[in-house]
Amino acid sequence: MRYFIRLQYDGTSFFGWQKLKNFPTVQGTIEKALSTLLQKTILIHGCGRTDRGVHAQEYFAHVDLPVIEISSLLYRVNQLLPNSIRIINFHLVPDNAHAQLDSICRTYQYRIHTKKNPFIYPFSYWYQKNLDSKLLEDASQIILRGEDFQNFTKSPQRQNSTKCKIHRAEWDFETSGILVFTISADHFLKRMIRILVAKMLEIASGNMRLEEFRNSLDNQIPQQFFHIAPPQGLHLVEISYPDGLIPEM
C-alpha cells in the first residue's frame, strides 16, 4: 500500500535530503528508521531535493508499506528518529501517486535578520549591510514577471528546462529587523532561490542596479559568476497537490 509521508526537519546537521554514502541525510535517516522497525528494506521517494543546511516546515515523500497499524508506526518511528526530524502523518494514497511528479506548486521562504540574534541564527541569515526595502520589493516584482531563469541556477545545461511559472514573490518586513522572502512556483531550479536572494540583497545594498537584474532575468546578460545566499535561511514551507489526492489534510 502506498502512503505519503508528511514530515518536517531541521536541515542543520544533514547533507541535504537525498541519500548519500557516508554522510547523514534526511532520506537516509528516515529509511534506516523505517527499515529497522519493519525489519525489511524500506525505500522512500521525496518530493524534491533540498541542499545541505536547508530546512523544511512541510515536506512529502511516498513509500510502499505492508499492511500495518499506522498510528503505532507513527509513534514508534518518531521515537527512533532524531529530534531534528518529525513525521507528522502517513496518508494512504492511490498506488500510482508520486510525491514529486504529482506536486503542482511549492512554496519557500528565505529568512534574514539584520540584528544579531543567537536564537534564530540556525534558521535565518544574519545580513549586516543596510538594505533598501523598496528596492527589495521592486526586485521581487521583476522575479514575479520572470519566465526563464537560466541565469539563476547552477549548471543550467543539466536542466531539462530552465523555465518556471512563478505564482508569488514578495517580501514581508517583520519586527526586530526580520525580513522574509516568500516565493511560490510550479518548480524551482538548482540553487535558484538562494541565487535570486543574493542578487536582491546586492540590489538593496547598492551593489547592483535593478536594470542589470532585469536584463539578467531577460537573459540579455549571461552570468559567469554569482553569489549564493547561505542555506540556513531557506525553508520549504508548503507543497501543494491536486485536490483529493491526500485525504484528511
Foldseek 3Di string as FASTA:
>chain_A
DKWKWKKWFQQAQFQKADDDPPGHHVQVQLQVLVCVVVVHGWHKAWQDIDGRLATAPITIIMTDDDDDDFVVVQVRSQVVGDPRMHTPGIFDFDPPDGNHPQFQKWKKKFKEAQDDDPVCVSQHHHDPAAFDQVLLFVLQVLVQPFFFQCQQAPPSVPDPGRGKHKDDWGWDQDPNRMIMIMTMIRDHHHLRVQQSVQVSRCCGRVNDPSVVSSCVSVVVDRDPDTDGHDNSRMYTYDIHGPPPRTPPD
